Amino acid sequence: MMGQYLCAVLNKKRHFLVIMPILASLAQAETVAVEIFKKQYIPQELTINKGDTVRWVNKEKRQYHSVYFEALDEKDGEYFWPDEVFERTFEKAGSFPYRCGPHPEMTGTIHVRGDDK
């Protein structure tokens, strides 16, 4: 009986040890804001960790914008109006340049650090 109890406890601890690193990585993920104001992304360059989310917030009074990762062969994102947001979670390390679809002079870059940070 004691052997079965010990096996059950060890089995639970093994699952706990597997789950803890996963929970730790989720707990460390952040959401970082980029504001859009006067036809600029602020900040224009941002460095984040893999798994973080970037939230673009349109702070203009009347102008719509988008976040377009053209180099990734994606379609231009949906336009969002003042006080609306667009979010993207970055799961891969690298540098990701983007621009506003309707305003190509507006550019920015997200730098994503890998697990080694």
N, C-alpha and C. Protein backbone atom coordinates (compact mmCIF):
# COMPACT_ATOMS: atom_id res chain seq x y z
N MET A 1 0.82 -1.19 0.00
CA MET A 1 0.00 0.00 0.00
C MET A 1 0.87 1.26 0.00
N MET A 2 1.90 1.24 0.85
CA MET A 2 2.80 2.39 0.93
C MET A 2 3.53 2.60 -0.39
N GLY A 3 3.87 1.51 -1.06
CA GLY A 3 4.54 1.59 -2.35
C GLY A 3 3.67 2.25 -3.40
N GLN A 4 2.37 1.90 -3.43
CA GLN A 4 1.45 2.52 -4.38
C GLN A 4 1.31 4.01 -4.10
N TYR A 5 1.22 4.37 -2.83
CA TYR A 5 1.12 5.78 -2.45
C TYR A 5 2.37 6.55 -2.90
N LEU A 6 3.53 5.97 -2.67
CA LEU A 6 4.78 6.61 -3.04
C LEU A 6 4.87 6.79 -4.56
N CYS A 7 4.46 5.77 -5.31
CA CYS A 7 4.45 5.88 -6.78
C CYS A 7 3.51 6.98 -7.24
N ALA A 8 2.35 7.08 -6.62
CA ALA A 8 1.38 8.12 -6.99
C ALA A 8 1.96 9.50 -6.71
N VAL A 9 2.62 9.68 -5.57
CA VAL A 9 3.21 10.96 -5.23
C VAL A 9 4.33 11.30 -6.20
N LEU A 10 5.20 10.36 -6.50
CA LEU A 10 6.29 10.60 -7.44
C LEU A 10 5.76 10.92 -8.83
N ASN A 11 4.71 10.24 -9.25
CA ASN A 11 4.11 10.49 -10.55
C ASN A 11 3.58 11.93 -10.61
N LYS A 12 2.92 12.38 -9.55
CA LYS A 12 2.41 13.75 -9.52
C LYS A 12 3.56 14.75 -9.54
N LYS A 13 4.63 14.45 -8.82
CA LYS A 13 5.77 15.36 -8.81
C LYS A 13 6.42 15.44 -10.18
N ARG A 14 6.46 14.34 -10.89
CA ARG A 14 7.05 14.34 -12.22
C ARG A 14 6.23 15.25 -13.14
N HIS A 15 4.91 15.16 -13.07
CA HIS A 15 4.07 16.05 -13.87
C HIS A 15 4.28 17.50 -13.46
N PHE A 16 4.43 17.71 -12.16
CA PHE A 16 4.67 19.04 -11.64
C PHE A 16 5.97 19.61 -12.21
N LEU A 17 7.00 18.77 -12.27
CA LEU A 17 8.29 19.23 -12.79
C LEU A 17 8.24 19.54 -14.27
N VAL A 18 7.38 18.87 -15.00
CA VAL A 18 7.21 19.14 -16.43
C VAL A 18 6.39 20.40 -16.63
N ILE A 19 5.38 20.59 -15.83
CA ILE A 19 4.47 21.72 -15.99
C ILE A 19 5.10 23.03 -15.53
N MET A 20 5.93 22.99 -14.50
CA MET A 20 6.48 24.23 -13.95
C MET A 20 7.25 25.07 -14.97
N PRO A 21 8.15 24.51 -15.79
CA PRO A 21 8.84 25.36 -16.78
C PRO A 21 7.86 25.98 -17.78
N ILE A 22 6.83 25.25 -18.13
CA ILE A 22 5.83 25.79 -19.05
C ILE A 22 5.13 26.97 -18.41
N LEU A 23 4.69 26.82 -17.17
CA LEU A 23 4.02 27.90 -16.47
C LEU A 23 4.96 29.09 -16.27
N ALA A 24 6.21 28.81 -15.98
CA ALA A 24 7.18 29.89 -15.78
C ALA A 24 7.35 30.70 -17.05
N SER A 25 7.41 30.05 -18.20
CA SER A 25 7.59 30.79 -19.44
C SER A 25 6.34 31.60 -19.78
N LEU A 26 5.16 31.08 -19.45
CA LEU A 26 3.94 31.83 -19.68
C LEU A 26 3.85 33.03 -18.75
N ALA A 27 4.27 32.86 -17.53
CA ALA A 27 4.21 33.95 -16.56
C ALA A 27 5.14 35.08 -16.95
N GLN A 28 6.20 34.80 -17.68
CA GLN A 28 7.17 35.82 -18.05
C GLN A 28 6.78 36.58 -19.31
N ALA A 29 5.85 36.07 -20.09
CA ALA A 29 5.45 36.75 -21.31
C ALA A 29 4.81 38.09 -20.96
N GLU A 30 5.12 39.09 -21.76
CA GLU A 30 4.62 40.44 -21.51
C GLU A 30 3.85 40.95 -22.72
N THR A 31 3.04 41.97 -22.48
CA THR A 31 2.40 42.73 -23.54
C THR A 31 3.01 44.12 -23.51
N VAL A 32 3.56 44.53 -24.64
CA VAL A 32 4.27 45.81 -24.74
C VAL A 32 3.52 46.68 -25.74
N ALA A 33 3.33 47.95 -25.39
CA ALA A 33 2.56 48.85 -26.24
C ALA A 33 3.45 49.67 -27.17
N VAL A 34 2.96 49.84 -28.40
CA VAL A 34 3.52 50.79 -29.36
C VAL A 34 2.39 51.74 -29.70
N GLU A 35 2.62 53.03 -29.48
CA GLU A 35 1.58 54.02 -29.80
C GLU A 35 1.75 54.51 -31.22
N ILE A 36 0.64 54.86 -31.82
CA ILE A 36 0.65 55.47 -33.15
C ILE A 36 0.11 56.88 -32.96
N PHE A 37 0.98 57.86 -33.28
CA PHE A 37 0.59 59.26 -33.10
C PHE A 37 1.36 60.11 -34.11
N LYS A 38 0.65 61.03 -34.74
CA LYS A 38 1.23 61.91 -35.76
C LYS A 38 1.96 61.11 -36.83
N LYS A 39 1.31 60.06 -37.28
CA LYS A 39 1.81 59.18 -38.32
C LYS A 39 3.20 58.62 -38.01
N GLN A 40 3.39 58.20 -36.75
CA GLN A 40 4.63 57.57 -36.32
C GLN A 40 4.31 56.42 -35.37
N TYR A 41 5.14 55.38 -35.44
CA TYR A 41 5.10 54.32 -34.43
C TYR A 41 6.06 54.74 -33.32
N ILE A 42 5.59 54.74 -32.09
CA ILE A 42 6.39 55.17 -30.95
C ILE A 42 6.40 54.07 -29.90
N PRO A 43 7.55 53.40 -29.67
CA PRO A 43 8.85 53.60 -30.31
C PRO A 43 8.88 52.98 -31.70
N GLN A 44 9.78 53.47 -32.52
CA GLN A 44 9.91 52.95 -33.88
C GLN A 44 10.58 51.59 -33.90
N GLU A 45 11.50 51.36 -32.98
CA GLU A 45 12.14 50.04 -32.83
C GLU A 45 11.90 49.55 -31.41
N LEU A 46 11.64 48.26 -31.31
CA LEU A 46 11.31 47.68 -30.01
C LEU A 46 11.96 46.30 -29.92
N THR A 47 12.58 46.00 -28.79
CA THR A 47 13.16 44.69 -28.56
C THR A 47 12.36 43.99 -27.47
N ILE A 48 11.89 42.78 -27.78
CA ILE A 48 11.07 42.01 -26.86
C ILE A 48 11.63 40.59 -26.77
N ASN A 49 11.05 39.79 -25.91
CA ASN A 49 11.42 38.38 -25.79
C ASN A 49 10.44 37.51 -26.58
N LYS A 50 10.93 36.37 -27.00
CA LYS A 50 10.07 35.40 -27.69
C LYS A 50 8.88 35.09 -26.77
N GLY A 51 7.68 35.09 -27.34
CA GLY A 51 6.47 34.83 -26.58
C GLY A 51 5.74 36.09 -26.14
N ASP A 52 6.41 37.25 -26.24
CA ASP A 52 5.76 38.51 -25.86
C ASP A 52 4.77 38.94 -26.94
N THR A 53 3.85 39.79 -26.52
CA THR A 53 2.84 40.34 -27.42
C THR A 53 3.08 41.84 -27.56
N VAL A 54 2.96 42.34 -28.78
CA VAL A 54 3.02 43.78 -29.02
C VAL A 54 1.59 44.24 -29.31
N ARG A 55 1.22 45.33 -28.63
CA ARG A 55 -0.11 45.92 -28.83
C ARG A 55 0.09 47.32 -29.41
N TRP A 56 -0.34 47.52 -30.66
CA TRP A 56 -0.28 48.83 -31.28
C TRP A 56 -1.58 49.55 -30.94
N VAL A 57 -1.46 50.77 -30.43
CA VAL A 57 -2.62 51.56 -30.00
C VAL A 57 -2.67 52.82 -30.86
N ASN A 58 -3.77 53.01 -31.56
CA ASN A 58 -3.93 54.18 -32.42
C ASN A 58 -4.37 55.37 -31.57
N LYS A 59 -3.48 56.34 -31.42
CA LYS A 59 -3.75 57.54 -30.61
C LYS A 59 -4.05 58.77 -31.48
N GLU A 60 -4.26 58.55 -32.76
CA GLU A 60 -4.59 59.66 -33.64
C GLU A 60 -6.00 60.17 -33.32
N LYS A 61 -6.33 61.35 -33.87
CA LYS A 61 -7.68 61.90 -33.65
C LYS A 61 -8.67 61.38 -34.69
N ARG A 62 -8.20 61.22 -35.94
CA ARG A 62 -9.13 60.83 -37.00
C ARG A 62 -8.59 59.80 -37.98
N GLN A 63 -7.32 59.47 -37.92
CA GLN A 63 -6.66 58.68 -38.95
C GLN A 63 -6.62 57.19 -38.64
N TYR A 64 -6.93 56.37 -39.64
CA TYR A 64 -6.79 54.92 -39.50
C TYR A 64 -5.39 54.50 -39.92
N HIS A 65 -4.94 53.33 -39.43
CA HIS A 65 -3.62 52.79 -39.74
C HIS A 65 -3.71 51.27 -39.81
N SER A 66 -2.58 50.65 -40.16
CA SER A 66 -2.48 49.20 -40.13
C SER A 66 -1.05 48.84 -39.73
N VAL A 67 -0.83 47.56 -39.47
CA VAL A 67 0.50 47.04 -39.18
C VAL A 67 0.73 45.94 -40.20
N TYR A 68 1.66 46.18 -41.13
CA TYR A 68 1.84 45.34 -42.30
C TYR A 68 3.26 44.77 -42.31
N PHE A 69 3.36 43.45 -42.12
CA PHE A 69 4.64 42.75 -42.16
C PHE A 69 4.87 42.23 -43.58
N GLU A 70 5.18 43.13 -44.46
CA GLU A 70 5.32 42.83 -45.89
C GLU A 70 6.40 41.78 -46.14
N ALA A 71 7.52 41.83 -45.42
CA ALA A 71 8.63 40.89 -45.63
C ALA A 71 8.23 39.45 -45.29
N LEU A 72 7.17 39.28 -44.53
CA LEU A 72 6.69 37.93 -44.19
C LEU A 72 5.68 37.42 -45.21
N ASP A 73 5.53 38.14 -46.31
CA ASP A 73 4.57 37.79 -47.36
C ASP A 73 3.14 37.68 -46.83
N GLU A 74 2.81 38.56 -45.89
CA GLU A 74 1.45 38.61 -45.36
C GLU A 74 0.68 39.70 -46.07
N LYS A 75 -0.64 39.58 -46.04
CA LYS A 75 -1.48 40.66 -46.55
C LYS A 75 -1.47 41.79 -45.54
N ASP A 76 -1.75 42.99 -46.04
CA ASP A 76 -1.86 44.14 -45.14
C ASP A 76 -2.92 43.85 -44.09
N GLY A 77 -2.63 44.18 -42.85
CA GLY A 77 -3.58 43.93 -41.76
C GLY A 77 -4.80 44.82 -41.86
N GLU A 78 -5.78 44.51 -41.06
CA GLU A 78 -6.99 45.32 -41.04
C GLU A 78 -6.67 46.71 -40.51
N TYR A 79 -7.37 47.70 -41.05
CA TYR A 79 -7.17 49.06 -40.57
C TYR A 79 -7.83 49.20 -39.20
N PHE A 80 -7.20 49.97 -38.35
CA PHE A 80 -7.83 50.24 -37.06
C PHE A 80 -7.81 51.75 -36.81
N TRP A 81 -8.88 52.20 -36.23
CA TRP A 81 -9.18 53.62 -36.07
C TRP A 81 -8.72 54.11 -34.70
N PRO A 82 -8.81 55.44 -34.46
CA PRO A 82 -8.41 55.97 -33.16
C PRO A 82 -9.04 55.21 -31.99
N ASP A 83 -8.23 54.97 -30.98
CA ASP A 83 -8.58 54.23 -29.76
C ASP A 83 -8.78 52.73 -29.99
N GLU A 84 -8.54 52.25 -31.19
CA GLU A 84 -8.56 50.82 -31.45
C GLU A 84 -7.14 50.28 -31.37
N VAL A 85 -7.03 48.95 -31.23
CA VAL A 85 -5.72 48.33 -31.09
C VAL A 85 -5.57 47.15 -32.05
N PHE A 86 -4.31 46.80 -32.29
CA PHE A 86 -3.94 45.61 -33.03
C PHE A 86 -2.88 44.90 -32.21
N GLU A 87 -2.98 43.58 -32.06
CA GLU A 87 -2.01 42.83 -31.28
C GLU A 87 -1.42 41.69 -32.09
N ARG A 88 -0.15 41.39 -31.77
CA ARG A 88 0.52 40.24 -32.39
C ARG A 88 1.50 39.66 -31.37
N THR A 89 1.46 38.32 -31.22
CA THR A 89 2.40 37.62 -30.36
C THR A 89 3.51 37.06 -31.23
N PHE A 90 4.75 37.25 -30.78
CA PHE A 90 5.93 36.84 -31.54
C PHE A 90 6.50 35.56 -30.94
N GLU A 91 6.40 34.47 -31.69
CA GLU A 91 6.84 33.16 -31.21
C GLU A 91 8.21 32.75 -31.74
N LYS A 92 8.77 33.54 -32.67
CA LYS A 92 10.08 33.22 -33.24
C LYS A 92 11.02 34.39 -33.03
N ALA A 93 12.30 34.06 -32.82
CA ALA A 93 13.32 35.10 -32.68
C ALA A 93 13.64 35.68 -34.06
N GLY A 94 14.08 36.92 -34.08
CA GLY A 94 14.47 37.57 -35.32
C GLY A 94 14.08 39.03 -35.31
N SER A 95 14.30 39.69 -36.43
CA SER A 95 13.90 41.08 -36.61
C SER A 95 12.77 41.13 -37.63
N PHE A 96 11.73 41.87 -37.29
CA PHE A 96 10.53 41.90 -38.10
C PHE A 96 10.17 43.35 -38.44
N PRO A 97 10.59 43.80 -39.64
CA PRO A 97 10.21 45.16 -40.05
C PRO A 97 8.74 45.18 -40.46
N TYR A 98 8.11 46.32 -40.23
CA TYR A 98 6.71 46.49 -40.60
C TYR A 98 6.48 47.93 -41.03
N ARG A 99 5.34 48.15 -41.64
CA ARG A 99 4.96 49.50 -42.04
C ARG A 99 3.44 49.62 -42.01
N CYS A 100 2.98 50.81 -42.15
CA CYS A 100 1.54 51.07 -42.23
C CYS A 100 1.14 50.91 -43.70
N GLY A 101 0.13 50.11 -43.96
CA GLY A 101 -0.32 49.90 -45.33
C GLY A 101 -0.70 51.18 -46.05
N PRO A 102 -1.59 52.02 -45.47
CA PRO A 102 -1.97 53.24 -46.17
C PRO A 102 -0.93 54.36 -46.09
N HIS A 103 0.07 54.23 -45.20
CA HIS A 103 1.08 55.27 -45.03
C HIS A 103 2.47 54.62 -45.03
N PRO A 104 3.00 54.25 -46.20
CA PRO A 104 4.25 53.49 -46.28
C PRO A 104 5.46 54.20 -45.67
N GLU A 105 5.37 55.51 -45.45
CA GLU A 105 6.48 56.21 -44.80
C GLU A 105 6.55 55.89 -43.30
N MET A 106 5.49 55.34 -42.75
CA MET A 106 5.48 54.93 -41.34
C MET A 106 6.09 53.53 -41.25
N THR A 107 7.23 53.43 -40.59
CA THR A 107 7.90 52.13 -40.49
C THR A 107 8.32 51.85 -39.05
N GLY A 108 8.51 50.60 -38.77
CA GLY A 108 8.99 50.18 -37.46
C GLY A 108 9.62 48.80 -37.57
N THR A 109 10.29 48.39 -36.50
CA THR A 109 10.90 47.06 -36.46
C THR A 109 10.73 46.49 -35.06
N ILE A 110 10.34 45.23 -35.01
CA ILE A 110 10.29 44.47 -33.76
C ILE A 110 11.45 43.50 -33.78
N HIS A 111 12.32 43.58 -32.77
CA HIS A 111 13.44 42.66 -32.59
C HIS A 111 13.02 41.68 -31.49
N VAL A 112 13.06 40.39 -31.81
CA VAL A 112 12.64 39.37 -30.85
C VAL A 112 13.84 38.53 -30.44
N ARG A 113 14.14 38.57 -29.15
CA ARG A 113 15.23 37.76 -28.60
C ARG A 113 14.75 36.33 -28.44
N GLY A 114 15.68 35.38 -28.60
CA GLY A 114 15.36 33.98 -28.44
C GLY A 114 15.43 33.56 -26.98
N ASP A 115 15.45 32.23 -26.75
CA ASP A 115 15.47 31.70 -25.40
C ASP A 115 16.74 32.05 -24.66
N ASP A 116 17.84 32.26 -25.38
CA ASP A 116 19.11 32.53 -24.71
C ASP A 116 19.21 33.96 -24.20
N LYS A 117 18.40 34.85 -24.68
CA LYS A 117 18.31 36.26 -24.30
C LYS A 117 19.69 36.83 -24.19
